[in-house]
């Protein structure tokens, strides 16, 4: 009996030790799990907050609804980033930047990443449908778009950047669906045009980097050329400015609730021009000795937003101007 008791105690101790070891190991790897979810990419999901801002409907209910949509889209997008990194793990290991991602670097196992993706995606879809059919439909449409993009669209010229733009439009619609706000058609078109602009700038940077390194990690890049992307950029830049101007012109054109929003147009113009400056070959060549950066920072728009001070100040200035106009409109001081 005494021997059996000692054996049972040793087994319990072994189980406890294994559990503690697993917890410690998991806690040590938690930063890698978070990094694998690409939290920097969550800045793209801030588009969901545009619905109450552009509709001049800032209150606790609309902010909570937008926050829920933001969290759900962060879960959904992170789930697909994990799936994408699993599928591209071999090619990512040959990329100068992507090789540092946790999955490609072997810091997060493929099995764990797949489990995380399943939990994140299922949570986003279930909670979205429970919130409202419209929000659930938006997240479902985003999920289907990501599946189509990863399987086929990212290798189809022009449709690849079109899919990127559609993702931003779905985010904007989700913000409206979560808050019960009806968005202006000008706003949705402007969102699509701005997303196309960012997508084209991303392809320009990727193509420039591919030409420097002598290889093209994305198969779709063989169909693009810098002159073609420049012409596409000219079209969408013009459309972005025109549609934003029409929206900010006010209710006469079924846009913003006040034409005072035209005051924010200089922020939009400067932001676009600044982003183009960052992707200009001569500016890049004169300011960067790093081979990776010679492609241009526009390959990673989320880093431009977070690291480029003029862009960041422009966004902050635009938000402050919108809030001031909203406050003055609410107080009846402006028409």
C-alpha atoms as a PDB file:
ATOM      1  CA  UNK A   1       0.000   0.000   0.000  1.00  0.00           C
ATOM      2  CA  UNK A   2       2.811   2.338   0.877  1.00  0.00           C
ATOM      3  CA  UNK A   3       4.528   1.636  -2.431  1.00  0.00           C
ATOM      4  CA  UNK A   4       1.280   2.257  -4.337  1.00  0.00           C
ATOM      5  CA  UNK A   5       0.782   5.558  -2.491  1.00  0.00           C
ATOM      6  CA  UNK A   6       4.302   6.686  -3.378  1.00  0.00           C
ATOM      7  CA  UNK A   7       3.711   5.685  -7.005  1.00  0.00           C
ATOM      8  CA  UNK A   8       0.431   7.640  -7.142  1.00  0.00           C
ATOM      9  CA  UNK A   9       2.120  10.703  -5.618  1.00  0.00           C
ATOM     10  CA  UNK A  10       4.939  10.525  -8.126  1.00  0.00           C
ATOM     11  CA  UNK A  11       2.434  10.326 -10.985  1.00  0.00           C
ATOM     12  CA  UNK A  12       0.525  13.335  -9.655  1.00  0.00           C
ATOM     13  CA  UNK A  13       3.784  15.230  -9.332  1.00  0.00           C
ATOM     14  CA  UNK A  14       4.694  14.291 -12.896  1.00  0.00           C
ATOM     15  CA  UNK A  15       1.323  15.523 -14.197  1.00  0.00           C
ATOM     16  CA  UNK A  16       1.634  18.786 -12.279  1.00  0.00           C
ATOM     17  CA  UNK A  17       5.179  19.311 -13.544  1.00  0.00           C
ATOM     18  CA  UNK A  18       4.084  18.671 -17.132  1.00  0.00           C
ATOM     19  CA  UNK A  19       1.174  21.100 -16.745  1.00  0.00           C
ATOM     20  CA  UNK A  20       3.415  23.796 -15.279  1.00  0.00           C
ATOM     21  CA  UNK A  21       5.974  23.222 -18.018  1.00  0.00           C
ATOM     22  CA  UNK A  22       3.260  23.559 -20.674  1.00  0.00           C
ATOM     23  CA  UNK A  23       1.976  26.786 -19.086  1.00  0.00           C
ATOM     24  CA  UNK A  24       5.466  28.280 -18.877  1.00  0.00           C
ATOM     25  CA  UNK A  25       6.248  27.271 -22.453  1.00  0.00           C
ATOM     26  CA  UNK A  26       2.941  28.706 -23.660  1.00  0.00           C
ATOM     27  CA  UNK A  27       3.516  31.994 -21.826  1.00  0.00           C
ATOM     28  CA  UNK A  28       6.971  32.290 -23.362  1.00  0.00           C
ATOM     29  CA  UNK A  29       5.535  31.759 -26.828  1.00  0.00           C
ATOM     30  CA  UNK A  30       2.534  34.072 -26.390  1.00  0.00           C
ATOM     31  CA  UNK A  31       4.369  37.052 -27.980  1.00  0.00           C
ATOM     32  CA  UNK A  32       5.001  34.876 -31.039  1.00  0.00           C
ATOM     33  CA  UNK A  33       1.334  33.851 -31.160  1.00  0.00           C
ATOM     34  CA  UNK A  34       0.326  37.515 -31.069  1.00  0.00           C
ATOM     35  CA  UNK A  35       2.887  38.422 -33.732  1.00  0.00           C
ATOM     36  CA  UNK A  36       1.572  35.628 -35.965  1.00  0.00           C
ATOM     37  CA  UNK A  37      -1.834  37.324 -35.862  1.00  0.00           C
ATOM     38  CA  UNK A  38      -0.187  40.442 -37.371  1.00  0.00           C
ATOM     39  CA  UNK A  39      -1.655  43.090 -35.026  1.00  0.00           C
ATOM     40  CA  UNK A  40      -0.113  45.868 -37.119  1.00  0.00           C
ATOM     41  CA  UNK A  41      -2.498  44.906 -39.895  1.00  0.00           C
ATOM     42  CA  UNK A  42      -5.423  45.668 -37.596  1.00  0.00           C
ATOM     43  CA  UNK A  43      -5.075  49.340 -38.537  1.00  0.00           C
ATOM     44  CA  UNK A  44      -6.865  48.404 -41.781  1.00  0.00           C
ATOM     45  CA  UNK A  45      -9.935  47.484 -39.737  1.00  0.00           C
ATOM     46  CA  UNK A  46     -10.209  51.023 -38.351  1.00  0.00           C
ATOM     47  CA  UNK A  47     -12.315  51.671 -41.458  1.00  0.00           C
ATOM     48  CA  UNK A  48     -15.309  50.291 -39.516  1.00  0.00           C
ATOM     49  CA  UNK A  49     -15.257  53.441 -37.349  1.00  0.00           C
ATOM     50  CA  UNK A  50     -15.764  55.586 -40.459  1.00  0.00           C
ATOM     51  CA  UNK A  51     -19.503  54.810 -40.511  1.00  0.00           C
ATOM     52  CA  UNK A  52     -20.493  56.830 -37.407  1.00  0.00           C
ATOM     53  CA  UNK A  53     -17.889  59.491 -38.154  1.00  0.00           C
ATOM     54  CA  UNK A  54     -18.964  60.108 -41.738  1.00  0.00           C
ATOM     55  CA  UNK A  55     -22.649  59.903 -40.790  1.00  0.00           C
ATOM     56  CA  UNK A  56     -22.123  62.446 -37.986  1.00  0.00           C
ATOM     57  CA  UNK A  57     -23.546  59.927 -35.532  1.00  0.00           C
ATOM     58  CA  UNK A  58     -21.071  59.765 -32.649  1.00  0.00           C
ATOM     59  CA  UNK A  59     -22.633  58.289 -29.507  1.00  0.00           C
ATOM     60  CA  UNK A  60     -21.999  55.447 -27.082  1.00  0.00           C
ATOM     61  CA  UNK A  61     -24.193  52.990 -28.977  1.00  0.00           C
ATOM     62  CA  UNK A  62     -22.565  53.627 -32.344  1.00  0.00           C
ATOM     63  CA  UNK A  63     -19.060  53.494 -30.857  1.00  0.00           C
ATOM     64  CA  UNK A  64     -19.766  50.179 -29.112  1.00  0.00           C
ATOM     65  CA  UNK A  65     -21.209  48.756 -32.327  1.00  0.00           C
ATOM     66  CA  UNK A  66     -18.178  49.899 -34.306  1.00  0.00           C
ATOM     67  CA  UNK A  67     -15.845  48.505 -31.646  1.00  0.00           C
ATOM     68  CA  UNK A  68     -17.533  45.106 -31.909  1.00  0.00           C
ATOM     69  CA  UNK A  69     -17.191  45.163 -35.706  1.00  0.00           C
ATOM     70  CA  UNK A  70     -13.531  46.144 -35.326  1.00  0.00           C
ATOM     71  CA  UNK A  71     -12.786  43.252 -32.952  1.00  0.00           C
ATOM     72  CA  UNK A  72     -14.620  40.733 -35.155  1.00  0.00           C
ATOM     73  CA  UNK A  73     -12.798  41.873 -38.298  1.00  0.00           C
ATOM     74  CA  UNK A  74      -9.486  41.711 -36.425  1.00  0.00           C
ATOM     75  CA  UNK A  75     -10.306  38.097 -35.530  1.00  0.00           C
ATOM     76  CA  UNK A  76     -11.364  37.257 -39.083  1.00  0.00           C
ATOM     77  CA  UNK A  77      -8.417  38.958 -40.771  1.00  0.00           C
ATOM     78  CA  UNK A  78      -5.919  37.435 -38.324  1.00  0.00           C
ATOM     79  CA  UNK A  79      -7.422  34.017 -38.994  1.00  0.00           C
ATOM     80  CA  UNK A  80      -6.801  34.399 -42.703  1.00  0.00           C
ATOM     81  CA  UNK A  81      -3.313  35.828 -42.151  1.00  0.00           C
ATOM     82  CA  UNK A  82      -2.512  32.639 -40.235  1.00  0.00           C
ATOM     83  CA  UNK A  83      -3.944  30.470 -43.018  1.00  0.00           C
ATOM     84  CA  UNK A  84      -2.070  32.471 -45.639  1.00  0.00           C
ATOM     85  CA  UNK A  85       1.201  32.164 -43.718  1.00  0.00           C
ATOM     86  CA  UNK A  86       0.681  28.408 -43.422  1.00  0.00           C
ATOM     87  CA  UNK A  87       0.069  28.086 -47.167  1.00  0.00           C
ATOM     88  CA  UNK A  88       3.025  30.338 -48.099  1.00  0.00           C
ATOM     89  CA  UNK A  89       5.461  29.151 -45.447  1.00  0.00           C
ATOM     90  CA  UNK A  90       8.065  27.929 -47.960  1.00  0.00           C
ATOM     91  CA  UNK A  91       8.026  31.053 -50.151  1.00  0.00           C
ATOM     92  CA  UNK A  92       7.987  33.304 -47.065  1.00  0.00           C
ATOM     93  CA  UNK A  93      11.223  31.710 -45.869  1.00  0.00           C
ATOM     94  CA  UNK A  94      12.924  33.015 -49.031  1.00  0.00           C
ATOM     95  CA  UNK A  95      11.555  36.568 -48.647  1.00  0.00           C
ATOM     96  CA  UNK A  96      13.873  39.132 -46.968  1.00  0.00           C
ATOM     97  CA  UNK A  97      11.109  40.401 -44.644  1.00  0.00           C
ATOM     98  CA  UNK A  98       8.492  37.647 -44.501  1.00  0.00           C
ATOM     99  CA  UNK A  99      11.083  35.083 -43.391  1.00  0.00           C
ATOM    100  CA  UNK A 100      10.934  36.724 -39.951  1.00  0.00           C
ATOM    101  CA  UNK A 101       7.240  35.932 -39.485  1.00  0.00           C
ATOM    102  CA  UNK A 102       6.695  33.493 -36.590  1.00  0.00           C
ATOM    103  CA  UNK A 103       5.387  30.616 -38.716  1.00  0.00           C
ATOM    104  CA  UNK A 104       8.065  30.944 -41.398  1.00  0.00           C
ATOM    105  CA  UNK A 105      10.728  31.268 -38.692  1.00  0.00           C
ATOM    106  CA  UNK A 106       9.468  28.139 -36.921  1.00  0.00           C
ATOM    107  CA  UNK A 107       8.496  30.016 -33.757  1.00  0.00           C
ATOM    108  CA  UNK A 108       4.841  28.974 -34.107  1.00  0.00           C
ATOM    109  CA  UNK A 109       4.030  25.473 -35.325  1.00  0.00           C
ATOM    110  CA  UNK A 110       1.675  24.961 -38.242  1.00  0.00           C
ATOM    111  CA  UNK A 111      -0.627  22.861 -36.037  1.00  0.00           C
ATOM    112  CA  UNK A 112      -1.004  25.605 -33.428  1.00  0.00           C
ATOM    113  CA  UNK A 113      -1.473  28.265 -36.131  1.00  0.00           C
ATOM    114  CA  UNK A 114      -4.248  26.205 -37.753  1.00  0.00           C
ATOM    115  CA  UNK A 115      -6.016  25.855 -34.404  1.00  0.00           C
ATOM    116  CA  UNK A 116      -5.759  29.596 -33.768  1.00  0.00           C
ATOM    117  CA  UNK A 117      -7.156  30.350 -37.220  1.00  0.00           C
ATOM    118  CA  UNK A 118     -10.121  28.034 -36.666  1.00  0.00           C
ATOM    119  CA  UNK A 119     -10.989  29.630 -33.313  1.00  0.00           C
ATOM    120  CA  UNK A 120     -10.636  33.203 -34.595  1.00  0.00           C
ATOM    121  CA  UNK A 121     -12.685  32.664 -37.759  1.00  0.00           C
ATOM    122  CA  UNK A 122     -15.477  30.691 -36.119  1.00  0.00           C
ATOM    123  CA  UNK A 123     -15.748  33.255 -33.302  1.00  0.00           C
ATOM    124  CA  UNK A 124     -15.963  36.158 -35.758  1.00  0.00           C
ATOM    125  CA  UNK A 125     -18.649  34.487 -37.857  1.00  0.00           C
ATOM    126  CA  UNK A 126     -20.797  33.284 -34.950  1.00  0.00           C
ATOM    127  CA  UNK A 127     -20.689  36.567 -33.026  1.00  0.00           C
ATOM    128  CA  UNK A 128     -21.283  38.556 -36.222  1.00  0.00           C
ATOM    129  CA  UNK A 129     -24.473  36.662 -37.062  1.00  0.00           C
ATOM    130  CA  UNK A 130     -25.638  36.898 -33.442  1.00  0.00           C
ATOM    131  CA  UNK A 131     -25.186  40.686 -33.527  1.00  0.00           C
ATOM    132  CA  UNK A 132     -27.146  41.231 -36.743  1.00  0.00           C
ATOM    133  CA  UNK A 133     -27.751  39.467 -40.078  1.00  0.00           C
ATOM    134  CA  UNK A 134     -26.162  42.401 -41.921  1.00  0.00           C
ATOM    135  CA  UNK A 135     -22.945  42.247 -39.880  1.00  0.00           C
ATOM    136  CA  UNK A 136     -22.844  38.471 -40.167  1.00  0.00           C
ATOM    137  CA  UNK A 137     -23.326  38.725 -43.936  1.00  0.00           C
ATOM    138  CA  UNK A 138     -20.501  41.279 -44.195  1.00  0.00           C
ATOM    139  CA  UNK A 139     -18.070  39.050 -42.270  1.00  0.00           C
ATOM    140  CA  UNK A 140     -19.172  35.994 -44.267  1.00  0.00           C
ATOM    141  CA  UNK A 141     -18.671  37.886 -47.540  1.00  0.00           C
ATOM    142  CA  UNK A 142     -15.224  38.975 -46.310  1.00  0.00           C
ATOM    143  CA  UNK A 143     -14.366  35.359 -45.464  1.00  0.00           C
ATOM    144  CA  UNK A 144     -15.474  34.140 -48.892  1.00  0.00           C
ATOM    145  CA  UNK A 145     -13.501  36.954 -50.536  1.00  0.00           C
ATOM    146  CA  UNK A 146     -10.367  35.965 -48.622  1.00  0.00           C
ATOM    147  CA  UNK A 147     -10.799  32.338 -49.631  1.00  0.00           C
ATOM    148  CA  UNK A 148     -11.193  33.340 -53.280  1.00  0.00           C
ATOM    149  CA  UNK A 149      -8.219  35.710 -52.997  1.00  0.00           C
ATOM    150  CA  UNK A 150      -5.900  33.108 -51.476  1.00  0.00           C
ATOM    151  CA  UNK A 151      -6.967  30.362 -53.872  1.00  0.00           C
ATOM    152  CA  UNK A 152      -7.113  32.304 -57.120  1.00  0.00           C
ATOM    153  CA  UNK A 153      -7.606  36.079 -57.175  1.00  0.00           C
ATOM    154  CA  UNK A 154      -4.155  37.016 -55.860  1.00  0.00           C
ATOM    155  CA  UNK A 155      -2.691  35.465 -59.028  1.00  0.00           C
ATOM    156  CA  UNK A 156      -5.070  37.296 -61.404  1.00  0.00           C
ATOM    157  CA  UNK A 157      -3.891  40.651 -62.691  1.00  0.00           C
ATOM    158  CA  UNK A 158      -6.109  43.658 -61.801  1.00  0.00           C
ATOM    159  CA  UNK A 159      -8.562  41.423 -59.944  1.00  0.00           C
ATOM    160  CA  UNK A 160      -6.002  41.080 -57.170  1.00  0.00           C
ATOM    161  CA  UNK A 161      -6.072  44.775 -56.289  1.00  0.00           C
ATOM    162  CA  UNK A 162      -9.829  44.789 -56.886  1.00  0.00           C
ATOM    163  CA  UNK A 163     -10.201  42.119 -54.205  1.00  0.00           C
ATOM    164  CA  UNK A 164      -8.146  44.227 -51.794  1.00  0.00           C
ATOM    165  CA  UNK A 165     -10.441  47.204 -52.406  1.00  0.00           C
ATOM    166  CA  UNK A 166     -13.549  45.068 -51.935  1.00  0.00           C
ATOM    167  CA  UNK A 167     -12.248  44.001 -48.533  1.00  0.00           C
ATOM    168  CA  UNK A 168     -12.130  47.629 -47.395  1.00  0.00           C
ATOM    169  CA  UNK A 169     -15.634  48.302 -48.697  1.00  0.00           C
ATOM    170  CA  UNK A 170     -16.903  45.301 -46.721  1.00  0.00           C
ATOM    171  CA  UNK A 171     -15.218  46.683 -43.601  1.00  0.00           C
ATOM    172  CA  UNK A 172     -16.938  50.035 -44.102  1.00  0.00           C
ATOM    173  CA  UNK A 173     -20.279  48.320 -44.673  1.00  0.00           C
ATOM    174  CA  UNK A 174     -19.756  46.199 -41.546  1.00  0.00           C
ATOM    175  CA  UNK A 175     -19.253  49.346 -39.482  1.00  0.00           C
ATOM    176  CA  UNK A 176     -22.560  50.661 -40.779  1.00  0.00           C
ATOM    177  CA  UNK A 177     -24.308  47.309 -40.242  1.00  0.00           C
ATOM    178  CA  UNK A 178     -23.117  47.101 -36.641  1.00  0.00           C
ATOM    179  CA  UNK A 179     -24.456  50.581 -35.864  1.00  0.00           C
ATOM    180  CA  UNK A 180     -27.586  50.698 -38.020  1.00  0.00           C
ATOM    181  CA  UNK A 181     -26.239  53.642 -40.039  1.00  0.00           C
ATOM    182  CA  UNK A 182     -26.984  54.197 -43.730  1.00  0.00           C
ATOM    183  CA  UNK A 183     -23.818  55.224 -45.567  1.00  0.00           C
ATOM    184  CA  UNK A 184     -23.591  57.600 -48.502  1.00  0.00           C
ATOM    185  CA  UNK A 185     -22.843  55.933 -51.829  1.00  0.00           C
ATOM    186  CA  UNK A 186     -20.131  58.572 -52.380  1.00  0.00           C
ATOM    187  CA  UNK A 187     -18.421  57.412 -49.208  1.00  0.00           C
ATOM    188  CA  UNK A 188     -18.433  53.756 -50.285  1.00  0.00           C
ATOM    189  CA  UNK A 189     -17.071  54.644 -53.732  1.00  0.00           C
ATOM    190  CA  UNK A 190     -14.387  56.856 -52.182  1.00  0.00           C
ATOM    191  CA  UNK A 191     -13.408  54.011 -49.827  1.00  0.00           C
ATOM    192  CA  UNK A 192     -13.090  51.657 -52.795  1.00  0.00           C
ATOM    193  CA  UNK A 193     -10.981  54.138 -54.771  1.00  0.00           C
ATOM    194  CA  UNK A 194      -8.670  54.840 -51.834  1.00  0.00           C
ATOM    195  CA  UNK A 195      -8.253  51.100 -51.246  1.00  0.00           C
ATOM    196  CA  UNK A 196      -7.420  50.617 -54.934  1.00  0.00           C
ATOM    197  CA  UNK A 197      -4.840  53.387 -54.621  1.00  0.00           C
ATOM    198  CA  UNK A 198      -3.181  51.643 -51.654  1.00  0.00           C
ATOM    199  CA  UNK A 199      -3.299  48.290 -53.450  1.00  0.00           C
ATOM    200  CA  UNK A 200      -1.652  49.716 -56.576  1.00  0.00           C
ATOM    201  CA  UNK A 201       1.022  51.430 -54.470  1.00  0.00           C
ATOM    202  CA  UNK A 202       1.681  48.096 -52.756  1.00  0.00           C
ATOM    203  CA  UNK A 203       2.118  46.335 -56.100  1.00  0.00           C
ATOM    204  CA  UNK A 204       4.466  49.119 -57.278  1.00  0.00           C
ATOM    205  CA  UNK A 205       6.695  48.631 -54.255  1.00  0.00           C
ATOM    206  CA  UNK A 206       6.647  44.841 -54.639  1.00  0.00           C
ATOM    207  CA  UNK A 207       7.506  45.077 -58.324  1.00  0.00           C
ATOM    208  CA  UNK A 208      10.341  47.521 -57.684  1.00  0.00           C
ATOM    209  CA  UNK A 209      11.777  45.272 -54.975  1.00  0.00           C
ATOM    210  CA  UNK A 210      11.440  42.242 -57.291  1.00  0.00           C
ATOM    211  CA  UNK A 211      13.378  44.075 -60.013  1.00  0.00           C
ATOM    212  CA  UNK A 212      16.134  44.947 -57.534  1.00  0.00           C
ATOM    213  CA  UNK A 213      16.425  41.370 -56.242  1.00  0.00           C
ATOM    214  CA  UNK A 214      15.970  39.781 -59.675  1.00  0.00           C
ATOM    215  CA  UNK A 215      13.044  37.552 -58.716  1.00  0.00           C
ATOM    216  CA  UNK A 216       9.275  37.926 -58.370  1.00  0.00           C
ATOM    217  CA  UNK A 217       7.848  36.286 -55.231  1.00  0.00           C
ATOM    218  CA  UNK A 218       4.288  36.982 -56.422  1.00  0.00           C
ATOM    219  CA  UNK A 219       3.413  35.294 -59.692  1.00  0.00           C
ATOM    220  CA  UNK A 220       0.963  38.093 -60.557  1.00  0.00           C
ATOM    221  CA  UNK A 221       3.824  40.618 -60.717  1.00  0.00           C
ATOM    222  CA  UNK A 222       4.927  39.253 -64.095  1.00  0.00           C
ATOM    223  CA  UNK A 223       1.772  40.795 -65.600  1.00  0.00           C
ATOM    224  CA  UNK A 224       2.453  44.248 -64.170  1.00  0.00           C
ATOM    225  CA  UNK A 225       4.884  46.950 -65.197  1.00  0.00           C
ATOM    226  CA  UNK A 226       5.718  50.231 -63.505  1.00  0.00           C
ATOM    227  CA  UNK A 227       4.256  52.323 -66.392  1.00  0.00           C
ATOM    228  CA  UNK A 228       0.981  50.347 -66.236  1.00  0.00           C
ATOM    229  CA  UNK A 229       0.732  50.766 -62.465  1.00  0.00           C
ATOM    230  CA  UNK A 230       1.475  54.486 -62.827  1.00  0.00           C
ATOM    231  CA  UNK A 231      -1.446  54.882 -65.265  1.00  0.00           C
ATOM    232  CA  UNK A 232      -3.738  52.899 -62.981  1.00  0.00           C
ATOM    233  CA  UNK A 233      -2.610  55.060 -60.059  1.00  0.00           C
ATOM    234  CA  UNK A 234      -3.467  58.245 -61.957  1.00  0.00           C
ATOM    235  CA  UNK A 235      -7.013  57.013 -62.577  1.00  0.00           C
ATOM    236  CA  UNK A 236      -7.800  55.926 -59.020  1.00  0.00           C
ATOM    237  CA  UNK A 237      -6.112  58.975 -57.472  1.00  0.00           C
ATOM    238  CA  UNK A 238      -8.337  61.264 -59.537  1.00  0.00           C
ATOM    239  CA  UNK A 239     -11.418  59.206 -58.664  1.00  0.00           C
ATOM    240  CA  UNK A 240     -10.533  59.277 -54.959  1.00  0.00           C
ATOM    241  CA  UNK A 241     -10.217  63.050 -54.862  1.00  0.00           C
ATOM    242  CA  UNK A 242     -13.364  63.617 -56.956  1.00  0.00           C
ATOM    243  CA  UNK A 243     -15.567  61.241 -54.950  1.00  0.00           C
ATOM    244  CA  UNK A 244     -14.335  62.630 -51.613  1.00  0.00           C
ATOM    245  CA  UNK A 245     -14.991  66.160 -52.847  1.00  0.00           C
ATOM    246  CA  UNK A 246     -18.498  65.228 -53.971  1.00  0.00           C
ATOM    247  CA  UNK A 247     -19.210  63.600 -50.612  1.00  0.00           C
ATOM    248  CA  UNK A 248     -17.851  66.519 -48.597  1.00  0.00           C
ATOM    249  CA  UNK A 249     -19.821  69.010 -50.714  1.00  0.00           C
ATOM    250  CA  UNK A 250     -22.784  68.277 -48.462  1.00  0.00           C
ATOM    251  CA  UNK A 251     -26.409  67.141 -48.539  1.00  0.00           C
ATOM    252  CA  UNK A 252     -27.145  68.786 -51.900  1.00  0.00           C
ATOM    253  CA  UNK A 253     -25.184  65.949 -53.527  1.00  0.00           C
ATOM    254  CA  UNK A 254     -26.400  63.297 -51.059  1.00  0.00           C
ATOM    255  CA  UNK A 255     -23.080  63.386 -49.265  1.00  0.00           C
ATOM    256  CA  UNK A 256     -22.045  64.718 -45.857  1.00  0.00           C
ATOM    257  CA  UNK A 257     -24.537  66.458 -43.610  1.00  0.00           C
ATOM    258  CA  UNK A 258     -22.728  69.748 -44.026  1.00  0.00           C
ATOM    259  CA  UNK A 259     -20.642  71.279 -46.784  1.00  0.00           C
ATOM    260  CA  UNK A 260     -18.182  72.422 -44.125  1.00  0.00           C
ATOM    261  CA  UNK A 261     -16.563  69.016 -44.585  1.00  0.00           C
ATOM    262  CA  UNK A 262     -14.832  70.559 -47.595  1.00  0.00           C
ATOM    263  CA  UNK A 263     -12.415  71.989 -45.026  1.00  0.00           C
ATOM    264  CA  UNK A 264     -11.005  68.466 -44.606  1.00  0.00           C
ATOM    265  CA  UNK A 265     -10.142  68.142 -48.308  1.00  0.00           C
ATOM    266  CA  UNK A 266      -6.586  69.565 -47.913  1.00  0.00           C
ATOM    267  CA  UNK A 267      -5.787  66.781 -45.422  1.00  0.00           C
ATOM    268  CA  UNK A 268      -6.886  64.165 -47.957  1.00  0.00           C
ATOM    269  CA  UNK A 269      -4.882  65.771 -50.760  1.00  0.00           C
ATOM    270  CA  UNK A 270      -1.747  66.061 -48.655  1.00  0.00           C
ATOM    271  CA  UNK A 271      -2.074  62.482 -47.427  1.00  0.00           C
ATOM    272  CA  UNK A 272      -2.333  61.134 -50.979  1.00  0.00           C
ATOM    273  CA  UNK A 273       0.545  63.270 -52.255  1.00  0.00           C
ATOM    274  CA  UNK A 274       2.710  62.325 -49.269  1.00  0.00           C
ATOM    275  CA  UNK A 275       2.055  58.633 -49.874  1.00  0.00           C
ATOM    276  CA  UNK A 276       3.002  59.058 -53.536  1.00  0.00           C
ATOM    277  CA  UNK A 277       6.182  60.826 -52.458  1.00  0.00           C
ATOM    278  CA  UNK A 278       7.140  57.858 -50.272  1.00  0.00           C
ATOM    279  CA  UNK A 279       6.801  55.543 -53.285  1.00  0.00           C
ATOM    280  CA  UNK A 280       8.708  57.759 -55.716  1.00  0.00           C
ATOM    281  CA  UNK A 281      11.813  55.926 -57.019  1.00  0.00           C
ATOM    282  CA  UNK A 282      14.118  58.947 -56.815  1.00  0.00           C
ATOM    283  CA  UNK A 283      13.101  59.723 -53.237  1.00  0.00           C
ATOM    284  CA  UNK A 284      13.556  56.079 -52.240  1.00  0.00           C
ATOM    285  CA  UNK A 285      16.974  55.844 -53.915  1.00  0.00           C
ATOM    286  CA  UNK A 286      18.235  58.998 -52.214  1.00  0.00           C
ATOM    287  CA  UNK A 287      16.949  58.146 -48.720  1.00  0.00           C
ATOM    288  CA  UNK A 288      17.493  54.392 -48.389  1.00  0.00           C
ATOM    289  CA  UNK A 289      20.566  52.229 -48.555  1.00  0.00           C
ATOM    290  CA  UNK A 290      18.661  49.164 -47.375  1.00  0.00           C
ATOM    291  CA  UNK A 291      17.843  46.810 -50.256  1.00  0.00           C
ATOM    292  CA  UNK A 292      14.538  45.866 -48.661  1.00  0.00           C
ATOM    293  CA  UNK A 293      13.475  49.503 -48.297  1.00  0.00           C
ATOM    294  CA  UNK A 294      14.474  50.340 -51.878  1.00  0.00           C
ATOM    295  CA  UNK A 295      11.204  48.809 -52.992  1.00  0.00           C
ATOM    296  CA  UNK A 296       9.419  51.509 -51.037  1.00  0.00           C
ATOM    297  CA  UNK A 297       7.575  51.547 -47.730  1.00  0.00           C
ATOM    298  CA  UNK A 298       4.252  51.542 -49.605  1.00  0.00           C
ATOM    299  CA  UNK A 299       4.644  47.748 -49.761  1.00  0.00           C
ATOM    300  CA  UNK A 300       3.540  47.870 -46.097  1.00  0.00           C
ATOM    301  CA  UNK A 301       0.815  50.541 -45.762  1.00  0.00           C
ATOM    302  CA  UNK A 302       0.243  49.758 -42.076  1.00  0.00           C
ATOM    303  CA  UNK A 303       3.856  50.730 -41.313  1.00  0.00           C
ATOM    304  CA  UNK A 304       3.506  53.970 -43.264  1.00  0.00           C
ATOM    305  CA  UNK A 305       0.531  54.913 -41.094  1.00  0.00           C
ATOM    306  CA  UNK A 306       2.342  54.062 -37.874  1.00  0.00           C
ATOM    307  CA  UNK A 307       5.886  55.214 -38.666  1.00  0.00           C
ATOM    308  CA  UNK A 308       5.678  58.127 -41.105  1.00  0.00           C
ATOM    309  CA  UNK A 309       5.143  61.208 -38.922  1.00  0.00           C
ATOM    310  CA  UNK A 310       3.675  63.502 -41.623  1.00  0.00           C
ATOM    311  CA  UNK A 311       1.124  60.832 -42.603  1.00  0.00           C
ATOM    312  CA  UNK A 312       0.255  60.188 -38.953  1.00  0.00           C
ATOM    313  CA  UNK A 313      -0.155  63.902 -38.232  1.00  0.00           C
ATOM    314  CA  UNK A 314      -2.305  64.264 -41.343  1.00  0.00           C
ATOM    315  CA  UNK A 315      -4.650  61.498 -40.182  1.00  0.00           C
ATOM    316  CA  UNK A 316      -4.841  62.998 -36.686  1.00  0.00           C
ATOM    317  CA  UNK A 317      -5.511  66.455 -38.139  1.00  0.00           C
ATOM    318  CA  UNK A 318      -8.250  65.071 -40.390  1.00  0.00           C
ATOM    319  CA  UNK A 319      -9.942  63.302 -37.449  1.00  0.00           C
ATOM    320  CA  UNK A 320      -9.763  66.429 -35.269  1.00  0.00           C
ATOM    321  CA  UNK A 321     -11.217  68.572 -38.071  1.00  0.00           C
ATOM    322  CA  UNK A 322     -14.082  66.091 -38.530  1.00  0.00           C
ATOM    323  CA  UNK A 323     -14.848  66.081 -34.803  1.00  0.00           C
ATOM    324  CA  UNK A 324     -14.809  69.896 -34.632  1.00  0.00           C
ATOM    325  CA  UNK A 325     -17.192  70.154 -37.581  1.00  0.00           C
ATOM    326  CA  UNK A 326     -19.397  67.475 -36.009  1.00  0.00           C
ATOM    327  CA  UNK A 327     -19.486  69.362 -32.713  1.00  0.00           C
ATOM    328  CA  UNK A 328     -20.285  72.691 -34.360  1.00  0.00           C
ATOM    329  CA  UNK A 329     -23.003  71.047 -36.444  1.00  0.00           C
ATOM    330  CA  UNK A 330     -24.515  69.429 -33.362  1.00  0.00           C
ATOM    331  CA  UNK A 331     -24.512  72.777 -31.545  1.00  0.00           C
ATOM    332  CA  UNK A 332     -26.251  74.423 -34.499  1.00  0.00           C
ATOM    333  CA  UNK A 333     -23.370  76.851 -35.068  1.00  0.00           C
ATOM    334  CA  UNK A 334     -22.905  75.835 -38.700  1.00  0.00           C
ATOM    335  CA  UNK A 335     -25.363  74.775 -41.370  1.00  0.00           C
END
